[in-house]
Full PDB file with SEQRES, HELIX, SHEET, SSBOND, CRYST1, ORIGX, SCALE, CONECT and MASTER records, all heavy atoms in Angstrom:
SEQRES   1 A   40  LEU GLU VAL THR GLY LEU LEU LYS GLN ASN GLY ARG LEU          
SEQRES   2 A   40  SER GLY ALA ALA VAL LYS ASP ARG LEU SER ALA LYS GLU          
SEQRES   3 A   40  ILE GLU VAL SER ALA ARG VAL ILE VAL ASN ALA THR GLY          
SEQRES   4 A   40  PRO                                                          
SHEET    1 AA1 3 GLU A   2  GLN A   9  0                                        
SHEET    2 AA1 3 ARG A  12  LYS A  19 -1                                        
SHEET    3 AA1 3 GLU A  26  SER A  30 -1                                        
CRYST1    1.000    1.000    1.000  90.00  90.00  90.00 P 1           1          
ORIGX1      1.000000  0.000000  0.000000        0.00000                         
ORIGX2      0.000000  1.000000  0.000000        0.00000                         
ORIGX3      0.000000  0.000000  1.000000        0.00000                         
SCALE1      1.000000  0.000000  0.000000        0.00000                         
SCALE2      0.000000  1.000000  0.000000        0.00000                         
SCALE3      0.000000  0.000000  1.000000        0.00000                         
ATOM      1  N   LEU A   1      62.759 169.002  82.587  1.00  0.00           N  
ATOM      2  CA  LEU A   1      62.104 169.493  83.810  1.00  0.00           C  
ATOM      3  C   LEU A   1      62.836 168.881  85.002  1.00  0.00           C  
ATOM      4  O   LEU A   1      62.790 167.677  85.196  1.00  0.00           O  
ATOM      5  CB  LEU A   1      60.628 169.082  83.804  1.00  0.00           C  
ATOM      6  CG  LEU A   1      59.658 169.938  84.624  1.00  0.00           C  
ATOM      7  CD1 LEU A   1      59.594 171.351  84.065  1.00  0.00           C  
ATOM      8  CD2 LEU A   1      58.278 169.324  84.609  1.00  0.00           C  
ATOM      9  N   GLU A   2      63.502 169.704  85.788  1.00  0.00           N  
ATOM     10  CA  GLU A   2      64.400 169.218  86.831  1.00  0.00           C  
ATOM     11  C   GLU A   2      63.800 169.351  88.227  1.00  0.00           C  
ATOM     12  O   GLU A   2      63.257 170.401  88.584  1.00  0.00           O  
ATOM     13  CB  GLU A   2      65.726 169.996  86.779  1.00  0.00           C  
ATOM     14  CG  GLU A   2      66.741 169.541  87.804  1.00  0.00           C  
ATOM     15  CD  GLU A   2      68.096 170.181  87.624  1.00  0.00           C  
ATOM     16  OE1 GLU A   2      68.208 171.130  86.825  1.00  0.00           O  
ATOM     17  OE2 GLU A   2      69.058 169.749  88.293  1.00  0.00           O  
ATOM     18  N   VAL A   3      63.907 168.274  88.992  1.00  0.00           N  
ATOM     19  CA  VAL A   3      63.493 168.326  90.395  1.00  0.00           C  
ATOM     20  C   VAL A   3      64.571 169.048  91.204  1.00  0.00           C  
ATOM     21  O   VAL A   3      65.731 168.651  91.201  1.00  0.00           O  
ATOM     22  CB  VAL A   3      63.264 166.906  90.945  1.00  0.00           C  
ATOM     23  CG1 VAL A   3      63.077 166.938  92.460  1.00  0.00           C  
ATOM     24  CG2 VAL A   3      62.056 166.261  90.280  1.00  0.00           C  
ATOM     25  N   THR A   4      64.163 170.126  91.874  1.00  0.00           N  
ATOM     26  CA  THR A   4      65.115 170.910  92.665  1.00  0.00           C  
ATOM     27  C   THR A   4      64.946 170.707  94.166  1.00  0.00           C  
ATOM     28  O   THR A   4      65.801 171.097  94.953  1.00  0.00           O  
ATOM     29  CB  THR A   4      64.963 172.407  92.336  1.00  0.00           C  
ATOM     30  OG1 THR A   4      63.610 172.802  92.564  1.00  0.00           O  
ATOM     31  CG2 THR A   4      65.339 172.683  90.884  1.00  0.00           C  
ATOM     32  N   GLY A   5      63.825 170.092  94.559  1.00  0.00           N  
ATOM     33  CA  GLY A   5      63.606 169.832  95.973  1.00  0.00           C  
ATOM     34  C   GLY A   5      62.414 168.909  96.164  1.00  0.00           C  
ATOM     35  O   GLY A   5      61.588 168.749  95.267  1.00  0.00           O  
ATOM     36  N   LEU A   6      62.345 168.285  97.327  1.00  0.00           N  
ATOM     37  CA  LEU A   6      61.227 167.409  97.658  1.00  0.00           C  
ATOM     38  C   LEU A   6      60.402 168.056  98.773  1.00  0.00           C  
ATOM     39  O   LEU A   6      60.950 168.646  99.702  1.00  0.00           O  
ATOM     40  CB  LEU A   6      61.735 166.031  98.105  1.00  0.00           C  
ATOM     41  CG  LEU A   6      62.507 165.239  97.039  1.00  0.00           C  
ATOM     42  CD1 LEU A   6      63.027 163.926  97.622  1.00  0.00           C  
ATOM     43  CD2 LEU A   6      61.633 164.968  95.818  1.00  0.00           C  
ATOM     44  N   LEU A   7      59.081 167.958  98.641  1.00  0.00           N  
ATOM     45  CA  LEU A   7      58.166 168.602  99.578  1.00  0.00           C  
ATOM     46  C   LEU A   7      57.643 167.574 100.589  1.00  0.00           C  
ATOM     47  O   LEU A   7      57.371 166.429 100.216  1.00  0.00           O  
ATOM     48  CB  LEU A   7      56.997 169.224  98.815  1.00  0.00           C  
ATOM     49  CG  LEU A   7      57.363 170.127  97.634  1.00  0.00           C  
ATOM     50  CD1 LEU A   7      56.110 170.601  96.915  1.00  0.00           C  
ATOM     51  CD2 LEU A   7      58.203 171.317  98.106  1.00  0.00           C  
ATOM     52  N   LYS A   8      57.490 168.007 101.839  1.00  0.00           N  
ATOM     53  CA  LYS A   8      57.033 167.091 102.891  1.00  0.00           C  
ATOM     54  C   LYS A   8      55.934 167.732 103.725  1.00  0.00           C  
ATOM     55  O   LYS A   8      55.888 168.950 103.892  1.00  0.00           O  
ATOM     56  CB  LYS A   8      58.205 166.692 103.796  1.00  0.00           C  
ATOM     57  CG  LYS A   8      59.305 165.902 103.096  1.00  0.00           C  
ATOM     58  CD  LYS A   8      60.422 165.518 104.045  1.00  0.00           C  
ATOM     59  CE  LYS A   8      61.512 164.739 103.306  1.00  0.00           C  
ATOM     60  NZ  LYS A   8      62.630 164.346 104.195  1.00  0.00           N  
ATOM     61  N   GLN A   9      55.058 166.871 104.235  1.00  0.00           N  
ATOM     62  CA  GLN A   9      54.058 167.260 105.231  1.00  0.00           C  
ATOM     63  C   GLN A   9      54.101 166.256 106.356  1.00  0.00           C  
ATOM     64  O   GLN A   9      53.962 165.044 106.123  1.00  0.00           O  
ATOM     65  CB  GLN A   9      52.658 167.285 104.600  1.00  0.00           C  
ATOM     66  CG  GLN A   9      52.436 168.396 103.581  1.00  0.00           C  
ATOM     67  CD  GLN A   9      51.028 168.394 103.021  1.00  0.00           C  
ATOM     68  OE1 GLN A   9      50.224 167.516 103.307  1.00  0.00           O  
ATOM     69  NE2 GLN A   9      50.724 169.398 102.207  1.00  0.00           N  
ATOM     70  N   ASN A  10      54.347 166.728 107.562  1.00  0.00           N  
ATOM     71  CA  ASN A  10      54.438 165.861 108.748  1.00  0.00           C  
ATOM     72  C   ASN A  10      55.463 164.735 108.540  1.00  0.00           C  
ATOM     73  O   ASN A  10      55.237 163.596 108.934  1.00  0.00           O  
ATOM     74  CB  ASN A  10      53.063 165.274 109.089  1.00  0.00           C  
ATOM     75  CG  ASN A  10      52.027 166.344 109.356  1.00  0.00           C  
ATOM     76  OD1 ASN A  10      52.313 167.346 110.006  1.00  0.00           O  
ATOM     77  ND2 ASN A  10      50.817 166.147 108.829  1.00  0.00           N  
ATOM     78  N   GLY A  11      56.572 165.079 107.917  1.00  0.00           N  
ATOM     79  CA  GLY A  11      57.659 164.116 107.747  1.00  0.00           C  
ATOM     80  C   GLY A  11      57.495 163.158 106.589  1.00  0.00           C  
ATOM     81  O   GLY A  11      58.367 162.312 106.365  1.00  0.00           O  
ATOM     82  N   ARG A  12      56.391 163.239 105.867  1.00  0.00           N  
ATOM     83  CA  ARG A  12      56.151 162.346 104.725  1.00  0.00           C  
ATOM     84  C   ARG A  12      56.183 163.150 103.423  1.00  0.00           C  
ATOM     85  O   ARG A  12      55.721 164.297 103.381  1.00  0.00           O  
ATOM     86  CB  ARG A  12      54.788 161.658 104.846  1.00  0.00           C  
ATOM     87  CG  ARG A  12      54.624 160.842 106.095  1.00  0.00           C  
ATOM     88  CD  ARG A  12      55.491 159.609 106.109  1.00  0.00           C  
ATOM     89  NE  ARG A  12      55.085 158.641 105.075  1.00  0.00           N  
ATOM     90  CZ  ARG A  12      55.719 157.493 104.851  1.00  0.00           C  
ATOM     91  NH1 ARG A  12      56.809 157.183 105.542  1.00  0.00           N  
ATOM     92  NH2 ARG A  12      55.274 156.670 103.916  1.00  0.00           N  
ATOM     93  N   LEU A  13      56.696 162.555 102.374  1.00  0.00           N  
ATOM     94  CA  LEU A  13      56.767 163.237 101.089  1.00  0.00           C  
ATOM     95  C   LEU A  13      55.368 163.529 100.553  1.00  0.00           C  
ATOM     96  O   LEU A  13      54.459 162.689 100.631  1.00  0.00           O  
ATOM     97  CB  LEU A  13      57.520 162.372 100.069  1.00  0.00           C  
ATOM     98  CG  LEU A  13      59.039 162.258 100.249  1.00  0.00           C  
ATOM     99  CD1 LEU A  13      59.620 161.331  99.211  1.00  0.00           C  
ATOM    100  CD2 LEU A  13      59.707 163.624 100.147  1.00  0.00           C  
ATOM    101  N   SER A  14      55.229 164.719 100.003  1.00  0.00           N  
ATOM    102  CA  SER A  14      53.940 165.107  99.441  1.00  0.00           C  
ATOM    103  C   SER A  14      54.051 165.656  98.024  1.00  0.00           C  
ATOM    104  O   SER A  14      53.033 165.956  97.391  1.00  0.00           O  
ATOM    105  CB  SER A  14      53.275 166.180 100.325  1.00  0.00           C  
ATOM    106  OG  SER A  14      54.107 167.336 100.399  1.00  0.00           O  
ATOM    107  N   GLY A  15      55.274 165.790  97.532  1.00  0.00           N  
ATOM    108  CA  GLY A  15      55.439 166.318  96.182  1.00  0.00           C  
ATOM    109  C   GLY A  15      56.864 166.743  95.923  1.00  0.00           C  
ATOM    110  O   GLY A  15      57.780 166.403  96.664  1.00  0.00           O  
ATOM    111  N   ALA A  16      57.046 167.517  94.851  1.00  0.00           N  
ATOM    112  CA  ALA A  16      58.388 167.952  94.457  1.00  0.00           C  
ATOM    113  C   ALA A  16      58.335 169.347  93.854  1.00  0.00           C  
ATOM    114  O   ALA A  16      57.352 169.720  93.195  1.00  0.00           O  
ATOM    115  CB  ALA A  16      58.981 166.973  93.450  1.00  0.00           C  
ATOM    116  N   ALA A  17      59.390 170.104  94.086  1.00  0.00           N  
ATOM    117  CA  ALA A  17      59.585 171.380  93.410  1.00  0.00           C  
ATOM    118  C   ALA A  17      60.372 171.106  92.132  1.00  0.00           C  
ATOM    119  O   ALA A  17      61.401 170.427  92.177  1.00  0.00           O  
ATOM    120  CB  ALA A  17      60.352 172.347  94.303  1.00  0.00           C  
ATOM    121  N   VAL A  18      59.874 171.618  91.017  1.00  0.00           N  
ATOM    122  CA  VAL A  18      60.550 171.360  89.733  1.00  0.00           C  
ATOM    123  C   VAL A  18      60.741 172.663  88.983  1.00  0.00           C  
ATOM    124  O   VAL A  18      59.978 173.625  89.145  1.00  0.00           O  
ATOM    125  CB  VAL A  18      59.764 170.350  88.856  1.00  0.00           C  
ATOM    126  CG1 VAL A  18      59.625 169.022  89.552  1.00  0.00           C  
ATOM    127  CG2 VAL A  18      58.399 170.911  88.471  1.00  0.00           C  
ATOM    128  N   LYS A  19      61.769 172.679  88.139  1.00  0.00           N  
ATOM    129  CA  LYS A  19      62.099 173.862  87.338  1.00  0.00           C  
ATOM    130  C   LYS A  19      62.170 173.464  85.877  1.00  0.00           C  
ATOM    131  O   LYS A  19      62.850 172.499  85.521  1.00  0.00           O  
ATOM    132  CB  LYS A  19      63.441 174.444  87.788  1.00  0.00           C  
ATOM    133  CG  LYS A  19      63.861 175.688  86.997  1.00  0.00           C  
ATOM    134  CD  LYS A  19      65.179 176.249  87.517  1.00  0.00           C  
ATOM    135  CE  LYS A  19      65.582 177.496  86.739  1.00  0.00           C  
ATOM    136  NZ  LYS A  19      66.872 178.048  87.252  1.00  0.00           N  
ATOM    137  N   ASP A  20      61.456 174.206  85.042  1.00  0.00           N  
ATOM    138  CA  ASP A  20      61.513 173.987  83.605  1.00  0.00           C  
ATOM    139  C   ASP A  20      62.835 174.567  83.104  1.00  0.00           C  
ATOM    140  O   ASP A  20      63.056 175.789  83.158  1.00  0.00           O  
ATOM    141  CB  ASP A  20      60.331 174.679  82.928  1.00  0.00           C  
ATOM    142  CG  ASP A  20      60.281 174.438  81.423  1.00  0.00           C  
ATOM    143  OD1 ASP A  20      61.136 173.678  80.916  1.00  0.00           O  
ATOM    144  OD2 ASP A  20      59.384 174.984  80.772  1.00  0.00           O  
ATOM    145  N   ARG A  21      63.708 173.716  82.607  1.00  0.00           N  
ATOM    146  CA  ARG A  21      65.025 174.163  82.150  1.00  0.00           C  
ATOM    147  C   ARG A  21      64.941 174.971  80.862  1.00  0.00           C  
ATOM    148  O   ARG A  21      65.923 175.617  80.472  1.00  0.00           O  
ATOM    149  CB  ARG A  21      65.948 172.962  81.960  1.00  0.00           C  
ATOM    150  CG  ARG A  21      66.309 172.256  83.273  1.00  0.00           C  
ATOM    151  CD  ARG A  21      67.040 170.944  83.006  1.00  0.00           C  
ATOM    152  NE  ARG A  21      68.258 171.146  82.229  1.00  0.00           N  
ATOM    153  CZ  ARG A  21      69.454 171.411  82.750  1.00  0.00           C  
ATOM    154  NH1 ARG A  21      69.588 171.523  84.065  1.00  0.00           N  
ATOM    155  NH2 ARG A  21      70.496 171.557  81.975  1.00  0.00           N  
ATOM    156  N   LEU A  22      63.811 174.944  80.180  1.00  0.00           N  
ATOM    157  CA  LEU A  22      63.653 175.698  78.939  1.00  0.00           C  
ATOM    158  C   LEU A  22      63.134 177.107  79.176  1.00  0.00           C  
ATOM    159  O   LEU A  22      63.565 178.059  78.537  1.00  0.00           O  
ATOM    160  CB  LEU A  22      62.712 174.946  77.979  1.00  0.00           C  
ATOM    161  CG  LEU A  22      63.134 173.515  77.622  1.00  0.00           C  
ATOM    162  CD1 LEU A  22      62.125 172.895  76.667  1.00  0.00           C  
ATOM    163  CD2 LEU A  22      64.541 173.480  77.020  1.00  0.00           C  
ATOM    164  N   SER A  23      62.204 177.249  80.111  1.00  0.00           N  
ATOM    165  CA  SER A  23      61.606 178.564  80.370  1.00  0.00           C  
ATOM    166  C   SER A  23      62.015 179.179  81.694  1.00  0.00           C  
ATOM    167  O   SER A  23      61.712 180.344  81.956  1.00  0.00           O  
ATOM    168  CB  SER A  23      60.076 178.438  80.342  1.00  0.00           C  
ATOM    169  OG  SER A  23      59.626 177.677  81.464  1.00  0.00           O  
ATOM    170  N   ALA A  24      62.664 178.375  82.541  1.00  0.00           N  
ATOM    171  CA  ALA A  24      63.065 178.776  83.902  1.00  0.00           C  
ATOM    172  C   ALA A  24      61.862 178.899  84.844  1.00  0.00           C  
ATOM    173  O   ALA A  24      62.010 179.311  85.996  1.00  0.00           O  
ATOM    174  CB  ALA A  24      63.870 180.065  83.910  1.00  0.00           C  
ATOM    175  N   LYS A  25      60.688 178.495  84.384  1.00  0.00           N  
ATOM    176  CA  LYS A  25      59.501 178.535  85.245  1.00  0.00           C  
ATOM    177  C   LYS A  25      59.607 177.471  86.332  1.00  0.00           C  
ATOM    178  O   LYS A  25      60.065 176.361  86.084  1.00  0.00           O  
ATOM    179  CB  LYS A  25      58.246 178.289  84.399  1.00  0.00           C  
ATOM    180  CG  LYS A  25      56.946 178.359  85.202  1.00  0.00           C  
ATOM    181  CD  LYS A  25      55.728 178.188  84.315  1.00  0.00           C  
ATOM    182  CE  LYS A  25      54.445 178.285  85.123  1.00  0.00           C  
ATOM    183  NZ  LYS A  25      53.230 178.142  84.285  1.00  0.00           N  
ATOM    184  N   GLU A  26      59.161 177.804  87.544  1.00  0.00           N  
ATOM    185  CA  GLU A  26      59.216 176.862  88.662  1.00  0.00           C  
ATOM    186  C   GLU A  26      57.789 176.552  89.132  1.00  0.00           C  
ATOM    187  O   GLU A  26      56.951 177.453  89.239  1.00  0.00           O  
ATOM    188  CB  GLU A  26      60.046 177.442  89.808  1.00  0.00           C  
ATOM    189  CG  GLU A  26      61.495 177.689  89.414  1.00  0.00           C  
ATOM    190  CD  GLU A  26      62.342 178.198  90.575  1.00  0.00           C  
ATOM    191  OE1 GLU A  26      61.873 178.099  91.724  1.00  0.00           O  
ATOM    192  OE2 GLU A  26      63.446 178.687  90.323  1.00  0.00           O  
ATOM    193  N   ILE A  27      57.537 175.285  89.400  1.00  0.00           N  
ATOM    194  CA  ILE A  27      56.221 174.869  89.881  1.00  0.00           C  
ATOM    195  C   ILE A  27      56.400 173.818  90.972  1.00  0.00           C  
ATOM    196  O   ILE A  27      57.511 173.306  91.184  1.00  0.00           O  
ATOM    197  CB  ILE A  27      55.338 174.282  88.753  1.00  0.00           C  
ATOM    198  CG1 ILE A  27      56.004 173.019  88.158  1.00  0.00           C  
ATOM    199  CG2 ILE A  27      55.059 175.314  87.674  1.00  0.00           C  
ATOM    200  CD1 ILE A  27      55.097 172.283  87.188  1.00  0.00           C  
ATOM    201  N   GLU A  28      55.303 173.504  91.642  1.00  0.00           N  
ATOM    202  CA  GLU A  28      55.289 172.413  92.617  1.00  0.00           C  
ATOM    203  C   GLU A  28      54.304 171.352  92.144  1.00  0.00           C  
ATOM    204  O   GLU A  28      53.210 171.681  91.664  1.00  0.00           O  
ATOM    205  CB  GLU A  28      54.912 172.920  94.011  1.00  0.00           C  
ATOM    206  CG  GLU A  28      55.967 173.837  94.609  1.00  0.00           C  
ATOM    207  CD  GLU A  28      55.661 174.256  96.043  1.00  0.00           C  
ATOM    208  OE1 GLU A  28      54.512 173.972  96.516  1.00  0.00           O  
ATOM    209  OE2 GLU A  28      56.537 174.851  96.688  1.00  0.00           O  
ATOM    210  N   VAL A  29      54.714 170.100  92.278  1.00  0.00           N  
ATOM    211  CA  VAL A  29      53.883 168.975  91.850  1.00  0.00           C  
ATOM    212  C   VAL A  29      53.507 168.169  93.079  1.00  0.00           C  
ATOM    213  O   VAL A  29      54.374 167.776  93.868  1.00  0.00           O  
ATOM    214  CB  VAL A  29      54.630 168.072  90.851  1.00  0.00           C  
ATOM    215  CG1 VAL A  29      53.712 166.947  90.355  1.00  0.00           C  
ATOM    216  CG2 VAL A  29      55.178 168.878  89.688  1.00  0.00           C  
ATOM    217  N   SER A  30      52.217 167.923  93.271  1.00  0.00           N  
ATOM    218  CA  SER A  30      51.732 167.137  94.402  1.00  0.00           C  
ATOM    219  C   SER A  30      51.550 165.683  94.001  1.00  0.00           C  
ATOM    220  O   SER A  30      51.033 165.396  92.909  1.00  0.00           O  
ATOM    221  CB  SER A  30      50.392 167.691  94.899  1.00  0.00           C  
ATOM    222  OG  SER A  30      50.538 169.009  95.359  1.00  0.00           O  
ATOM    223  N   ALA A  31      51.971 164.765  94.866  1.00  0.00           N  
ATOM    224  CA  ALA A  31      51.844 163.336  94.562  1.00  0.00           C  
ATOM    225  C   ALA A  31      51.778 162.524  95.831  1.00  0.00           C  
ATOM    226  O   ALA A  31      52.382 162.870  96.848  1.00  0.00           O  
ATOM    227  CB  ALA A  31      53.025 162.870  93.717  1.00  0.00           C  
ATOM    228  N   ARG A  32      51.025 161.423  95.775  1.00  0.00           N  
ATOM    229  CA  ARG A  32      50.913 160.520  96.928  1.00  0.00           C  
ATOM    230  C   ARG A  32      52.192 159.700  97.109  1.00  0.00           C  
ATOM    231  O   ARG A  32      52.587 159.394  98.234  1.00  0.00           O  
ATOM    232  CB  ARG A  32      49.725 159.573  96.734  1.00  0.00           C  
ATOM    233  CG  ARG A  32      48.377 160.290  96.720  1.00  0.00           C  
ATOM    234  CD  ARG A  32      47.249 159.344  96.373  1.00  0.00           C  
ATOM    235  NE  ARG A  32      47.061 158.290  97.382  1.00  0.00           N  
ATOM    236  CZ  ARG A  32      46.211 157.281  97.266  1.00  0.00           C  
ATOM    237  NH1 ARG A  32      45.448 157.193  96.175  1.00  0.00           N  
ATOM    238  NH2 ARG A  32      46.096 156.374  98.219  1.00  0.00           N  
ATOM    239  N   VAL A  33      52.811 159.328  95.991  1.00  0.00           N  
ATOM    240  CA  VAL A  33      54.032 158.528  96.037  1.00  0.00           C  
ATOM    241  C   VAL A  33      55.035 159.116  95.050  1.00  0.00           C  
ATOM    242  O   VAL A  33      54.667 159.485  93.930  1.00  0.00           O  
ATOM    243  CB  VAL A  33      53.760 157.050  95.680  1.00  0.00           C  
ATOM    244  CG1 VAL A  33      55.051 156.242  95.700  1.00  0.00           C  
ATOM    245  CG2 VAL A  33      52.727 156.446  96.602  1.00  0.00           C  
ATOM    246  N   ILE A  34      56.291 159.197  95.465  1.00  0.00           N  
ATOM    247  CA  ILE A  34      57.354 159.685  94.573  1.00  0.00           C  
ATOM    248  C   ILE A  34      58.338 158.554  94.335  1.00  0.00           C  
ATOM    249  O   ILE A  34      58.810 157.896  95.274  1.00  0.00           O  
ATOM    250  CB  ILE A  34      58.068 160.910  95.177  1.00  0.00           C  
ATOM    251  CG1 ILE A  34      57.066 162.065  95.312  1.00  0.00           C  
ATOM    252  CG2 ILE A  34      59.245 161.332  94.305  1.00  0.00           C  
ATOM    253  CD1 ILE A  34      57.646 163.309  95.896  1.00  0.00           C  
ATOM    254  N   VAL A  35      58.642 158.338  93.051  1.00  0.00           N  
ATOM    255  CA  VAL A  35      59.563 157.273  92.641  1.00  0.00           C  
ATOM    256  C   VAL A  35      60.839 157.902  92.113  1.00  0.00           C  
ATOM    257  O   VAL A  35      60.816 158.725  91.195  1.00  0.00           O  
ATOM    258  CB  VAL A  35      58.935 156.385  91.546  1.00  0.00           C  
ATOM    259  CG1 VAL A  35      59.914 155.309  91.091  1.00  0.00           C  
ATOM    260  CG2 VAL A  35      57.645 155.741  92.046  1.00  0.00           C  
ATOM    261  N   ASN A  36      61.948 157.506  92.679  1.00  0.00           N  
ATOM    262  CA  ASN A  36      63.274 157.941  92.246  1.00  0.00           C  
ATOM    263  C   ASN A  36      63.823 156.905  91.280  1.00  0.00           C  
ATOM    264  O   ASN A  36      64.247 155.833  91.669  1.00  0.00           O  
ATOM    265  CB  ASN A  36      64.175 158.082  93.485  1.00  0.00           C  
ATOM    266  CG  ASN A  36      65.635 158.356  93.149  1.00  0.00           C  
ATOM    267  OD1 ASN A  36      65.967 158.751  92.033  1.00  0.00           O  
ATOM    268  ND2 ASN A  36      66.509 158.137  94.131  1.00  0.00           N  
ATOM    269  N   ALA A  37      63.772 157.234  89.983  1.00  0.00           N  
ATOM    270  CA  ALA A  37      64.233 156.307  88.945  1.00  0.00           C  
ATOM    271  C   ALA A  37      65.288 156.999  88.101  1.00  0.00           C  
ATOM    272  O   ALA A  37      65.193 157.050  86.877  1.00  0.00           O  
ATOM    273  CB  ALA A  37      63.059 155.836  88.082  1.00  0.00           C  
ATOM    274  N   THR A  38      66.298 157.524  88.759  1.00  0.00           N  
ATOM    275  CA  THR A  38      67.295 158.366  88.088  1.00  0.00           C  
ATOM    276  C   THR A  38      68.609 157.644  87.816  1.00  0.00           C  
ATOM    277  O   THR A  38      69.629 158.283  87.556  1.00  0.00           O  
ATOM    278  CB  THR A  38      67.551 159.647  88.899  1.00  0.00           C  
ATOM    279  OG1 THR A  38      67.917 159.293  90.238  1.00  0.00           O  
ATOM    280  CG2 THR A  38      66.310 160.523  88.938  1.00  0.00           C  
ATOM    281  N   GLY A  39      68.581 156.320  87.841  1.00  0.00           N  
ATOM    282  CA  GLY A  39      69.762 155.551  87.445  1.00  0.00           C  
ATOM    283  C   GLY A  39      70.981 155.888  88.271  1.00  0.00           C  
ATOM    284  O   GLY A  39      70.930 155.875  89.510  1.00  0.00           O  
ATOM    285  N   PRO A  40      72.105 156.225  87.615  1.00  0.00           N  
ATOM    286  CA  PRO A  40      73.338 156.514  88.357  1.00  0.00           C  
ATOM    287  C   PRO A  40      73.213 157.689  89.306  1.00  0.00           C  
ATOM    288  O   PRO A  40      74.042 157.853  90.196  1.00  0.00           O  
ATOM    289  CB  PRO A  40      74.345 156.831  87.233  1.00  0.00           C  
ATOM    290  CG  PRO A  40      73.781 156.230  86.003  1.00  0.00           C  
ATOM    291  CD  PRO A  40      72.291 156.296  86.161  1.00  0.00           C  
TER     292      PRO A  40                                                      
MASTER        0    0    0    0    3    0    0    6  291    1    0    4          
END                                                                             
């Protein structure tokens, strides 16, 4: 499941746009805090 974009409200992050690499379905995920733990 790949993050394709980050969502913002009033300049603050509010979630992420993600794409299922298996089905090609796209959804939006809402979150209070987003953690970038993608290593390299």
